[in-house]
C-alpha cells in the first residue's frame, strides 16, 4: 500500500510519478524500497488517470453511505436487519473490488 500512497502523494503535489520520485518518497518515510515493486507500480499506472480513479472512488463511497443513511431511517425492525445485512454484503463486495483493483497494480 505504501507504494500506492507514495504515488498518490506525488500526484497531489503535482509531481511526476517516476521511479526516482516514488523511491525518494519511500526512502524519506523510512521504508525499505523494493525496486521491482516500484517498477511494477510505474508500469501499472502508465495508462491510469489517477484523478478519474479518485473521482470514481468518491462516487462509489458516496452511494454506499447514502444507502446506509436510508437504512437508518427505516421504521420496521425486521426491515432494518435485512437492510443492514444487505449493506454489509454490498460493503464486502466493494472491499473485494477495491482489493482486486489494487492487486492489478502489482
PDB file of N, CA and C in Angstrom:
ATOM      1  N   UNK A   1       0.806  -1.192   0.000  1.00  0.00           N
ATOM      2  CA  UNK A   1       0.000   0.000   0.000  1.00  0.00           C
ATOM      3  C   UNK A   1       0.857   1.266   0.000  1.00  0.00           C
ATOM      4  N   UNK A   2       1.976   1.205   0.688  1.00  0.00           N
ATOM      5  CA  UNK A   2       2.785   2.417   0.793  1.00  0.00           C
ATOM      6  C   UNK A   2       3.286   2.888  -0.569  1.00  0.00           C
ATOM      7  N   UNK A   3       3.427   1.972  -1.514  1.00  0.00           N
ATOM      8  CA  UNK A   3       3.859   2.356  -2.855  1.00  0.00           C
ATOM      9  C   UNK A   3       2.756   3.168  -3.549  1.00  0.00           C
ATOM     10  N   UNK A   4       1.523   2.711  -3.394  1.00  0.00           N
ATOM     11  CA  UNK A   4       0.383   3.428  -3.960  1.00  0.00           C
ATOM     12  C   UNK A   4       0.235   4.784  -3.278  1.00  0.00           C
ATOM     13  N   UNK A   5       0.419   4.806  -1.950  1.00  0.00           N
ATOM     14  CA  UNK A   5       0.340   6.070  -1.211  1.00  0.00           C
ATOM     15  C   UNK A   5       1.393   7.058  -1.724  1.00  0.00           C
ATOM     16  N   UNK A   6       2.584   6.559  -1.985  1.00  0.00           N
ATOM     17  CA  UNK A   6       3.642   7.430  -2.492  1.00  0.00           C
ATOM     18  C   UNK A   6       3.231   8.034  -3.837  1.00  0.00           C
ATOM     19  N   UNK A   7       2.634   7.218  -4.692  1.00  0.00           N
ATOM     20  CA  UNK A   7       2.178   7.720  -5.999  1.00  0.00           C
ATOM     21  C   UNK A   7       1.072   8.749  -5.825  1.00  0.00           C
ATOM     22  N   UNK A   8       0.159   8.495  -4.900  1.00  0.00           N
ATOM     23  CA  UNK A   8      -0.931   9.442  -4.661  1.00  0.00           C
ATOM     24  C   UNK A   8      -0.402  10.755  -4.097  1.00  0.00           C
ATOM     25  N   UNK A   9       0.574  10.675  -3.223  1.00  0.00           N
ATOM     26  CA  UNK A   9       1.183  11.881  -2.657  1.00  0.00           C
ATOM     27  C   UNK A   9       1.863  12.701  -3.754  1.00  0.00           C
ATOM     28  N   UNK A  10       2.589  12.019  -4.622  1.00  0.00           N
ATOM     29  CA  UNK A  10       3.228  12.723  -5.729  1.00  0.00           C
ATOM     30  C   UNK A  10       2.184  13.357  -6.648  1.00  0.00           C
ATOM     31  N   UNK A  11       1.111  12.652  -6.899  1.00  0.00           N
ATOM     32  CA  UNK A  11       0.033  13.195  -7.730  1.00  0.00           C
ATOM     33  C   UNK A  11      -0.552  14.450  -7.093  1.00  0.00           C
ATOM     34  N   UNK A  12      -0.829  14.377  -5.791  1.00  0.00           N
ATOM     35  CA  UNK A  12      -1.406  15.512  -5.069  1.00  0.00           C
ATOM     36  C   UNK A  12      -0.477  16.724  -5.097  1.00  0.00           C
ATOM     37  N   UNK A  13       0.827  16.462  -5.075  1.00  0.00           N
ATOM     38  CA  UNK A  13       1.820  17.540  -5.086  1.00  0.00           C
ATOM     39  C   UNK A  13       2.145  17.997  -6.512  1.00  0.00           C
ATOM     40  N   UNK A  14       1.418  17.469  -7.498  1.00  0.00           N
ATOM     41  CA  UNK A  14       1.647  17.812  -8.910  1.00  0.00           C
ATOM     42  C   UNK A  14       3.077  17.506  -9.358  1.00  0.00           C
ATOM     43  N   UNK A  15       3.613  16.411  -8.855  1.00  0.00           N
ATOM     44  CA  UNK A  15       4.947  15.954  -9.251  1.00  0.00           C
ATOM     45  C   UNK A  15       4.796  14.766 -10.192  1.00  0.00           C
ATOM     46  N   UNK A  16       5.798  14.544 -11.020  1.00  0.00           N
ATOM     47  CA  UNK A  16       5.790  13.386 -11.908  1.00  0.00           C
ATOM     48  C   UNK A  16       5.917  12.110 -11.079  1.00  0.00           C
ATOM     49  N   UNK A  17       5.147  11.115 -11.468  1.00  0.00           N
ATOM     50  CA  UNK A  17       5.217   9.827 -10.772  1.00  0.00           C
ATOM     51  C   UNK A  17       6.222   8.970 -11.545  1.00  0.00           C
ATOM     52  N   UNK A  18       7.459   9.039 -11.090  1.00  0.00           N
ATOM     53  CA  UNK A  18       8.555   8.306 -11.713  1.00  0.00           C
ATOM     54  C   UNK A  18       9.158   7.357 -10.690  1.00  0.00           C
ATOM     55  N   UNK A  19       9.978   6.441 -11.176  1.00  0.00           N
ATOM     56  CA  UNK A  19      10.646   5.503 -10.269  1.00  0.00           C
ATOM     57  C   UNK A  19      11.480   6.252  -9.229  1.00  0.00           C
ATOM     58  N   UNK A  20      12.223   7.249  -9.684  1.00  0.00           N
ATOM     59  CA  UNK A  20      13.075   8.007  -8.765  1.00  0.00           C
ATOM     60  C   UNK A  20      12.246   8.745  -7.711  1.00  0.00           C
ATOM     61  N   UNK A  21      11.156   9.382  -8.134  1.00  0.00           N
ATOM     62  CA  UNK A  21      10.335  10.139  -7.187  1.00  0.00           C
ATOM     63  C   UNK A  21       9.647   9.225  -6.180  1.00  0.00           C
ATOM     64  N   UNK A  22       9.111   8.098  -6.643  1.00  0.00           N
ATOM     65  CA  UNK A  22       8.470   7.153  -5.719  1.00  0.00           C
ATOM     66  C   UNK A  22       9.502   6.622  -4.733  1.00  0.00           C
ATOM     67  N   UNK A  23      10.681   6.283  -5.238  1.00  0.00           N
ATOM     68  CA  UNK A  23      11.754   5.787  -4.371  1.00  0.00           C
ATOM     69  C   UNK A  23      12.143   6.833  -3.335  1.00  0.00           C
ATOM     70  N   UNK A  24      12.248   8.086  -3.761  1.00  0.00           N
ATOM     71  CA  UNK A  24      12.617   9.166  -2.837  1.00  0.00           C
ATOM     72  C   UNK A  24      11.566   9.330  -1.729  1.00  0.00           C
ATOM     73  N   UNK A  25      10.288   9.269  -2.105  1.00  0.00           N
ATOM     74  CA  UNK A  25       9.223   9.407  -1.110  1.00  0.00           C
ATOM     75  C   UNK A  25       9.286   8.256  -0.106  1.00  0.00           C
ATOM     76  N   UNK A  26       9.446   7.045  -0.611  1.00  0.00           N
ATOM     77  CA  UNK A  26       9.504   5.887   0.282  1.00  0.00           C
ATOM     78  C   UNK A  26      10.744   5.932   1.174  1.00  0.00           C
ATOM     79  N   UNK A  27      11.868   6.333   0.614  1.00  0.00           N
ATOM     80  CA  UNK A  27      13.090   6.485   1.412  1.00  0.00           C
ATOM     81  C   UNK A  27      12.888   7.518   2.519  1.00  0.00           C
ATOM     82  N   UNK A  28      12.251   8.638   2.173  1.00  0.00           N
ATOM     83  CA  UNK A  28      12.015   9.698   3.159  1.00  0.00           C
ATOM     84  C   UNK A  28      11.111   9.213   4.287  1.00  0.00           C
ATOM     85  N   UNK A  29      10.249   8.261   3.983  1.00  0.00           N
ATOM     86  CA  UNK A  29       9.345   7.714   5.001  1.00  0.00           C
ATOM     87  C   UNK A  29      10.001   6.583   5.791  1.00  0.00           C
ATOM     88  N   UNK A  30      11.232   6.245   5.439  1.00  0.00           N
ATOM     89  CA  UNK A  30      11.954   5.206   6.166  1.00  0.00           C
ATOM     90  C   UNK A  30      11.549   3.799   5.763  1.00  0.00           C
ATOM     91  N   UNK A  31      11.054   3.649   4.549  1.00  0.00           N
ATOM     92  CA  UNK A  31      10.596   2.342   4.069  1.00  0.00           C
ATOM     93  C   UNK A  31      11.677   1.731   3.185  1.00  0.00           C
ATOM     94  N   UNK A  32      11.960   0.435   3.421  1.00  0.00           N
ATOM     95  CA  UNK A  32      12.895  -0.281   2.559  1.00  0.00           C
ATOM     96  C   UNK A  32      12.244  -0.462   1.197  1.00  0.00           C
ATOM     97  N   UNK A  33      12.881   0.061   0.170  1.00  0.00           N
ATOM     98  CA  UNK A  33      12.282   0.096  -1.158  1.00  0.00           C
ATOM     99  C   UNK A  33      12.657  -1.149  -1.947  1.00  0.00           C
ATOM    100  N   UNK A  34      11.630  -1.777  -2.517  1.00  0.00           N
ATOM    101  CA  UNK A  34      11.817  -2.902  -3.434  1.00  0.00           C
ATOM    102  C   UNK A  34      11.702  -2.332  -4.840  1.00  0.00           C
ATOM    103  N   UNK A  35      12.818  -2.262  -5.541  1.00  0.00           N
ATOM    104  CA  UNK A  35      12.843  -1.626  -6.863  1.00  0.00           C
ATOM    105  C   UNK A  35      11.900  -2.309  -7.851  1.00  0.00           C
ATOM    106  N   UNK A  36      11.722  -3.621  -7.709  1.00  0.00           N
ATOM    107  CA  UNK A  36      10.800  -4.330  -8.612  1.00  0.00           C
ATOM    108  C   UNK A  36       9.361  -3.876  -8.400  1.00  0.00           C
ATOM    109  N   UNK A  37       8.986  -3.643  -7.157  1.00  0.00           N
ATOM    110  CA  UNK A  37       7.631  -3.160  -6.880  1.00  0.00           C
ATOM    111  C   UNK A  37       7.440  -1.742  -7.395  1.00  0.00           C
ATOM    112  N   UNK A  38       8.481  -0.931  -7.297  1.00  0.00           N
ATOM    113  CA  UNK A  38       8.406   0.439  -7.816  1.00  0.00           C
ATOM    114  C   UNK A  38       8.208   0.392  -9.329  1.00  0.00           C
ATOM    115  N   UNK A  39       8.986  -0.440 -10.012  1.00  0.00           N
ATOM    116  CA  UNK A  39       8.866  -0.559 -11.464  1.00  0.00           C
ATOM    117  C   UNK A  39       7.483  -1.078 -11.849  1.00  0.00           C
ATOM    118  N   UNK A  40       6.962  -2.046 -11.097  1.00  0.00           N
ATOM    119  CA  UNK A  40       5.626  -2.585 -11.372  1.00  0.00           C
ATOM    120  C   UNK A  40       4.561  -1.524 -11.189  1.00  0.00           C
ATOM    121  N   UNK A  41       4.703  -0.726 -10.147  1.00  0.00           N
ATOM    122  CA  UNK A  41       3.743   0.352  -9.895  1.00  0.00           C
ATOM    123  C   UNK A  41       3.746   1.363 -11.040  1.00  0.00           C
ATOM    124  N   UNK A  42       4.914   1.780 -11.447  1.00  0.00           N
ATOM    125  CA  UNK A  42       5.025   2.765 -12.527  1.00  0.00           C
ATOM    126  C   UNK A  42       4.424   2.198 -13.813  1.00  0.00           C
ATOM    127  N   UNK A  43       4.698   0.936 -14.091  1.00  0.00           N
ATOM    128  CA  UNK A  43       4.141   0.309 -15.293  1.00  0.00           C
ATOM    129  C   UNK A  43       2.623   0.206 -15.202  1.00  0.00           C
ATOM    130  N   UNK A  44       2.110  -0.131 -14.023  1.00  0.00           N
ATOM    131  CA  UNK A  44       0.663  -0.269 -13.839  1.00  0.00           C
ATOM    132  C   UNK A  44      -0.050   1.067 -13.946  1.00  0.00           C
ATOM    133  N   UNK A  45       0.605   2.137 -13.534  1.00  0.00           N
ATOM    134  CA  UNK A  45      -0.012   3.462 -13.568  1.00  0.00           C
ATOM    135  C   UNK A  45       0.163   4.166 -14.909  1.00  0.00           C
ATOM    136  N   UNK A  46       0.861   3.536 -15.833  1.00  0.00           N
ATOM    137  CA  UNK A  46       1.162   4.155 -17.118  1.00  0.00           C
ATOM    138  C   UNK A  46      -0.085   4.633 -17.847  1.00  0.00           C
ATOM    139  N   UNK A  47      -1.144   3.825 -17.880  1.00  0.00           N
ATOM    140  CA  UNK A  47      -2.365   4.183 -18.601  1.00  0.00           C
ATOM    141  C   UNK A  47      -3.515   4.558 -17.673  1.00  0.00           C
ATOM    142  N   UNK A  48      -3.208   4.855 -16.413  1.00  0.00           N
ATOM    143  CA  UNK A  48      -4.246   5.151 -15.432  1.00  0.00           C
ATOM    144  C   UNK A  48      -4.333   6.651 -15.188  1.00  0.00           C
ATOM    145  N   UNK A  49      -5.555   7.159 -15.203  1.00  0.00           N
ATOM    146  CA  UNK A  49      -5.786   8.547 -14.815  1.00  0.00           C
ATOM    147  C   UNK A  49      -6.113   8.538 -13.322  1.00  0.00           C
ATOM    148  N   UNK A  50      -5.180   8.961 -12.511  1.00  0.00           N
ATOM    149  CA  UNK A  50      -5.364   8.925 -11.066  1.00  0.00           C
ATOM    150  C   UNK A  50      -6.550   9.796 -10.660  1.00  0.00           C
ATOM    151  N   UNK A  51      -6.707  10.927 -11.304  1.00  0.00           N
ATOM    152  CA  UNK A  51      -7.812  11.834 -10.975  1.00  0.00           C
ATOM    153  C   UNK A  51      -9.162  11.140 -11.205  1.00  0.00           C
ATOM    154  N   UNK A  52      -9.297  10.432 -12.330  1.00  0.00           N
ATOM    155  CA  UNK A  52     -10.539   9.709 -12.613  1.00  0.00           C
ATOM    156  C   UNK A  52     -10.764   8.583 -11.608  1.00  0.00           C
ATOM    157  N   UNK A  53      -9.698   7.897 -11.230  1.00  0.00           N
ATOM    158  CA  UNK A  53      -9.810   6.811 -10.253  1.00  0.00           C
ATOM    159  C   UNK A  53     -10.268   7.339  -8.902  1.00  0.00           C
ATOM    160  N   UNK A  54      -9.751   8.492  -8.508  1.00  0.00           N
ATOM    161  CA  UNK A  54     -10.151   9.104  -7.238  1.00  0.00           C
ATOM    162  C   UNK A  54     -11.615   9.521  -7.296  1.00  0.00           C
ATOM    163  N   UNK A  55     -12.022  10.149  -8.393  1.00  0.00           N
ATOM    164  CA  UNK A  55     -13.415  10.565  -8.536  1.00  0.00           C
ATOM    165  C   UNK A  55     -14.352   9.367  -8.506  1.00  0.00           C
ATOM    166  N   UNK A  56     -13.962   8.297  -9.159  1.00  0.00           N
ATOM    167  CA  UNK A  56     -14.770   7.080  -9.175  1.00  0.00           C
ATOM    168  C   UNK A  56     -14.900   6.505  -7.770  1.00  0.00           C
ATOM    169  N   UNK A  57     -13.820   6.528  -7.012  1.00  0.00           N
ATOM    170  CA  UNK A  57     -13.853   6.015  -5.645  1.00  0.00           C
ATOM    171  C   UNK A  57     -14.748   6.871  -4.766  1.00  0.00           C
ATOM    172  N   UNK A  58     -14.725   8.176  -4.957  1.00  0.00           N
ATOM    173  CA  UNK A  58     -15.557   9.083  -4.176  1.00  0.00           C
ATOM    174  C   UNK A  58     -17.027   8.850  -4.504  1.00  0.00           C
ATOM    175  N   UNK A  59     -17.344   8.666  -5.774  1.00  0.00           N
ATOM    176  CA  UNK A  59     -18.728   8.410  -6.181  1.00  0.00           C
ATOM    177  C   UNK A  59     -19.220   7.103  -5.576  1.00  0.00           C
ATOM    178  N   UNK A  60     -18.403   6.055  -5.618  1.00  0.00           N
ATOM    179  CA  UNK A  60     -18.790   4.767  -5.046  1.00  0.00           C
ATOM    180  C   UNK A  60     -18.968   4.863  -3.536  1.00  0.00           C
ATOM    181  N   UNK A  61     -18.120   5.590  -2.868  1.00  0.00           N
ATOM    182  CA  UNK A  61     -18.236   5.749  -1.418  1.00  0.00           C
ATOM    183  C   UNK A  61     -19.482   6.549  -1.075  1.00  0.00           C
ATOM    184  N   UNK A  62     -19.807   7.547  -1.866  1.00  0.00           N
ATOM    185  CA  UNK A  62     -20.989   8.367  -1.635  1.00  0.00           C
ATOM    186  C   UNK A  62     -22.261   7.568  -1.784  1.00  0.00           C
ATOM    187  N   UNK A  63     -22.350   6.706  -2.769  1.00  0.00           N
ATOM    188  CA  UNK A  63     -23.560   5.910  -2.952  1.00  0.00           C
ATOM    189  C   UNK A  63     -23.693   4.880  -1.848  1.00  0.00           C
ATOM    190  N   UNK A  64     -22.592   4.388  -1.337  1.00  0.00           N
ATOM    191  CA  UNK A  64     -22.630   3.423  -0.240  1.00  0.00           C
ATOM    192  C   UNK A  64     -23.124   4.077   1.046  1.00  0.00           C
ATOM    193  N   UNK A  65     -22.667   5.297   1.333  1.00  0.00           N
ATOM    194  CA  UNK A  65     -23.109   5.979   2.546  1.00  0.00           C
ATOM    195  C   UNK A  65     -24.559   6.414   2.426  1.00  0.00           C
ATOM    196  N   UNK A  66     -25.014   6.715   1.232  1.00  0.00           N
ATOM    197  CA  UNK A  66     -26.412   7.065   1.016  1.00  0.00           C
ATOM    198  C   UNK A  66     -27.318   5.899   1.316  1.00  0.00           C
ATOM    199  N   UNK A  67     -26.908   4.696   0.972  1.00  0.00           N
ATOM    200  CA  UNK A  67     -27.695   3.507   1.266  1.00  0.00           C
ATOM    201  C   UNK A  67     -27.751   3.278   2.768  1.00  0.00           C
ATOM    202  N   UNK A  68     -26.660   3.536   3.462  1.00  0.00           N
ATOM    203  CA  UNK A  68     -26.644   3.375   4.911  1.00  0.00           C
ATOM    204  C   UNK A  68     -27.580   4.368   5.579  1.00  0.00           C
ATOM    205  N   UNK A  69     -27.623   5.600   5.082  1.00  0.00           N
ATOM    206  CA  UNK A  69     -28.486   6.619   5.674  1.00  0.00           C
ATOM    207  C   UNK A  69     -29.952   6.251   5.488  1.00  0.00           C
ATOM    208  N   UNK A  70     -30.321   5.732   4.336  1.00  0.00           N
ATOM    209  CA  UNK A  70     -31.719   5.361   4.124  1.00  0.00           C
ATOM    210  C   UNK A  70     -32.096   4.176   4.995  1.00  0.00           C
ATOM    211  N   UNK A  71     -31.160   3.298   5.271  1.00  0.00           N
ATOM    212  CA  UNK A  71     -31.425   2.159   6.144  1.00  0.00           C
ATOM    213  C   UNK A  71     -31.699   2.632   7.568  1.00  0.00           C
ATOM    214  N   UNK A  72     -30.964   3.635   8.016  1.00  0.00           N
ATOM    215  CA  UNK A  72     -31.124   4.132   9.378  1.00  0.00           C
ATOM    216  C   UNK A  72     -32.487   4.766   9.587  1.00  0.00           C
ATOM    217  N   UNK A  73     -33.110   5.258   8.531  1.00  0.00           N
ATOM    218  CA  UNK A  73     -34.390   5.934   8.653  1.00  0.00           C
ATOM    219  C   UNK A  73     -35.582   4.983   8.610  1.00  0.00           C
ATOM    220  N   UNK A  74     -35.338   3.725   8.348  1.00  0.00           N
ATOM    221  CA  UNK A  74     -36.422   2.750   8.234  1.00  0.00           C
ATOM    222  C   UNK A  74     -37.087   2.528   9.587  1.00  0.00           C
ATOM    223  N   UNK A  75     -38.454   2.375   9.598  1.00  0.00           N
ATOM    224  CA  UNK A  75     -39.191   2.222  10.844  1.00  0.00           C
ATOM    225  C   UNK A  75     -39.313   0.780  11.291  1.00  0.00           C
ATOM    226  N   UNK A  76     -39.325  -0.162  10.396  1.00  0.00           N
ATOM    227  CA  UNK A  76     -39.573  -1.559  10.721  1.00  0.00           C
ATOM    228  C   UNK A  76     -38.274  -2.257  11.098  1.00  0.00           C
ATOM    229  N   UNK A  77     -38.235  -2.890  12.304  1.00  0.00           N
ATOM    230  CA  UNK A  77     -37.008  -3.518  12.793  1.00  0.00           C
ATOM    231  C   UNK A  77     -36.548  -4.658  11.896  1.00  0.00           C
ATOM    232  N   UNK A  78     -37.473  -5.479  11.429  1.00  0.00           N
ATOM    233  CA  UNK A  78     -37.074  -6.605  10.599  1.00  0.00           C
ATOM    234  C   UNK A  78     -36.506  -6.120   9.268  1.00  0.00           C
ATOM    235  N   UNK A  79     -37.074  -5.054   8.738  1.00  0.00           N
ATOM    236  CA  UNK A  79     -36.531  -4.475   7.506  1.00  0.00           C
ATOM    237  C   UNK A  79     -35.149  -3.892   7.752  1.00  0.00           C
ATOM    238  N   UNK A  80     -34.960  -3.290   8.938  1.00  0.00           N
ATOM    239  CA  UNK A  80     -33.651  -2.720   9.294  1.00  0.00           C
ATOM    240  C   UNK A  80     -32.588  -3.801   9.285  1.00  0.00           C
ATOM    241  N   UNK A  81     -32.884  -4.932   9.900  1.00  0.00           N
ATOM    242  CA  UNK A  81     -31.907  -6.014   9.979  1.00  0.00           C
ATOM    243  C   UNK A  81     -31.586  -6.537   8.583  1.00  0.00           C
ATOM    244  N   UNK A  82     -32.598  -6.715   7.759  1.00  0.00           N
ATOM    245  CA  UNK A  82     -32.376  -7.207   6.403  1.00  0.00           C
ATOM    246  C   UNK A  82     -31.566  -6.193   5.598  1.00  0.00           C
ATOM    247  N   UNK A  83     -31.900  -4.920   5.743  1.00  0.00           N
ATOM    248  CA  UNK A  83     -31.179  -3.877   5.022  1.00  0.00           C
ATOM    249  C   UNK A  83     -29.724  -3.801   5.481  1.00  0.00           C
ATOM    250  N   UNK A  84     -29.495  -3.936   6.789  1.00  0.00           N
ATOM    251  CA  UNK A  84     -28.131  -3.880   7.313  1.00  0.00           C
ATOM    252  C   UNK A  84     -27.308  -5.042   6.772  1.00  0.00           C
ATOM    253  N   UNK A  85     -27.913  -6.225   6.717  1.00  0.00           N
ATOM    254  CA  UNK A  85     -27.203  -7.379   6.179  1.00  0.00           C
ATOM    255  C   UNK A  85     -26.887  -7.164   4.698  1.00  0.00           C
ATOM    256  N   UNK A  86     -27.824  -6.578   3.981  1.00  0.00           N
ATOM    257  CA  UNK A  86     -27.610  -6.293   2.562  1.00  0.00           C
ATOM    258  C   UNK A  86     -26.508  -5.256   2.389  1.00  0.00           C
ATOM    259  N   UNK A  87     -26.520  -4.211   3.220  1.00  0.00           N
ATOM    260  CA  UNK A  87     -25.486  -3.183   3.154  1.00  0.00           C
ATOM    261  C   UNK A  87     -24.112  -3.767   3.471  1.00  0.00           C
ATOM    262  N   UNK A  88     -24.047  -4.640   4.475  1.00  0.00           N
ATOM    263  CA  UNK A  88     -22.779  -5.269   4.828  1.00  0.00           C
ATOM    264  C   UNK A  88     -22.271  -6.102   3.668  1.00  0.00           C
ATOM    265  N   UNK A  89     -23.171  -6.828   3.008  1.00  0.00           N
ATOM    266  CA  UNK A  89     -22.776  -7.626   1.855  1.00  0.00           C
ATOM    267  C   UNK A  89     -22.266  -6.727   0.737  1.00  0.00           C
ATOM    268  N   UNK A  90     -22.946  -5.584   0.510  1.00  0.00           N
ATOM    269  CA  UNK A  90     -22.508  -4.639  -0.511  1.00  0.00           C
ATOM    270  C   UNK A  90     -21.143  -4.062  -0.171  1.00  0.00           C
ATOM    271  N   UNK A  91     -20.929  -3.742   1.108  1.00  0.00           N
ATOM    272  CA  UNK A  91     -19.642  -3.191   1.530  1.00  0.00           C
ATOM    273  C   UNK A  91     -18.538  -4.216   1.339  1.00  0.00           C
ATOM    274  N   UNK A  92     -18.827  -5.490   1.649  1.00  0.00           N
ATOM    275  CA  UNK A  92     -17.832  -6.542   1.449  1.00  0.00           C
ATOM    276  C   UNK A  92     -17.497  -6.674  -0.031  1.00  0.00           C
ATOM    277  N   UNK A  93     -18.509  -6.580  -0.902  1.00  0.00           N
ATOM    278  CA  UNK A  93     -18.265  -6.640  -2.341  1.00  0.00           C
ATOM    279  C   UNK A  93     -17.411  -5.451  -2.777  1.00  0.00           C
ATOM    280  N   UNK A  94     -17.711  -4.260  -2.253  1.00  0.00           N
ATOM    281  CA  UNK A  94     -16.922  -3.073  -2.587  1.00  0.00           C
ATOM    282  C   UNK A  94     -15.472  -3.243  -2.139  1.00  0.00           C
ATOM    283  N   UNK A  95     -15.278  -3.798  -0.932  1.00  0.00           N
ATOM    284  CA  UNK A  95     -13.927  -4.035  -0.424  1.00  0.00           C
ATOM    285  C   UNK A  95     -13.190  -5.029  -1.307  1.00  0.00           C
ATOM    286  N   UNK A  96     -13.897  -6.089  -1.739  1.00  0.00           N
ATOM    287  CA  UNK A  96     -13.275  -7.082  -2.600  1.00  0.00           C
ATOM    288  C   UNK A  96     -12.901  -6.474  -3.943  1.00  0.00           C
ATOM    289  N   UNK A  97     -13.777  -5.630  -4.505  1.00  0.00           N
ATOM    290  CA  UNK A  97     -13.483  -4.977  -5.769  1.00  0.00           C
ATOM    291  C   UNK A  97     -12.283  -4.046  -5.629  1.00  0.00           C
ATOM    292  N   UNK A  98     -12.214  -3.329  -4.521  1.00  0.00           N
ATOM    293  CA  UNK A  98     -11.082  -2.428  -4.288  1.00  0.00           C
ATOM    294  C   UNK A  98      -9.790  -3.222  -4.180  1.00  0.00           C
ATOM    295  N   UNK A  99      -9.844  -4.356  -3.482  1.00  0.00           N
ATOM    296  CA  UNK A  99      -8.656  -5.198  -3.331  1.00  0.00           C
ATOM    297  C   UNK A  99      -8.223  -5.752  -4.682  1.00  0.00           C
ATOM    298  N   UNK A 100      -9.184  -6.140  -5.527  1.00  0.00           N
ATOM    299  CA  UNK A 100      -8.843  -6.633  -6.854  1.00  0.00           C
ATOM    300  C   UNK A 100      -8.173  -5.540  -7.675  1.00  0.00           C
ATOM    301  N   UNK A 101      -8.682  -4.315  -7.564  1.00  0.00           N
ATOM    302  CA  UNK A 101      -8.077  -3.206  -8.290  1.00  0.00           C
ATOM    303  C   UNK A 101      -6.638  -2.958  -7.849  1.00  0.00           C
ATOM    304  N   UNK A 102      -6.411  -3.051  -6.554  1.00  0.00           N
ATOM    305  CA  UNK A 102      -5.050  -2.844  -6.038  1.00  0.00           C
ATOM    306  C   UNK A 102      -4.140  -3.992  -6.448  1.00  0.00           C
ATOM    307  N   UNK A 103      -4.687  -5.232  -6.472  1.00  0.00           N
ATOM    308  CA  UNK A 103      -3.886  -6.374  -6.900  1.00  0.00           C
ATOM    309  C   UNK A 103      -3.401  -6.191  -8.331  1.00  0.00           C
ATOM    310  N   UNK A 104      -4.216  -5.545  -9.156  1.00  0.00           N
ATOM    311  CA  UNK A 104      -3.823  -5.330 -10.548  1.00  0.00           C
ATOM    312  C   UNK A 104      -2.637  -4.384 -10.668  1.00  0.00           C
ATOM    313  N   UNK A 105      -2.405  -3.597  -9.631  1.00  0.00           N
ATOM    314  CA  UNK A 105      -1.259  -2.680  -9.667  1.00  0.00           C
ATOM    315  C   UNK A 105       0.067  -3.400  -9.482  1.00  0.00           C
ATOM    316  N   UNK A 106       0.017  -4.602  -8.871  1.00  0.00           N
ATOM    317  CA  UNK A 106       1.269  -5.284  -8.554  1.00  0.00           C
ATOM    318  C   UNK A 106       1.384  -6.621  -9.238  1.00  0.00           C
TER     319      UNK A 106
END
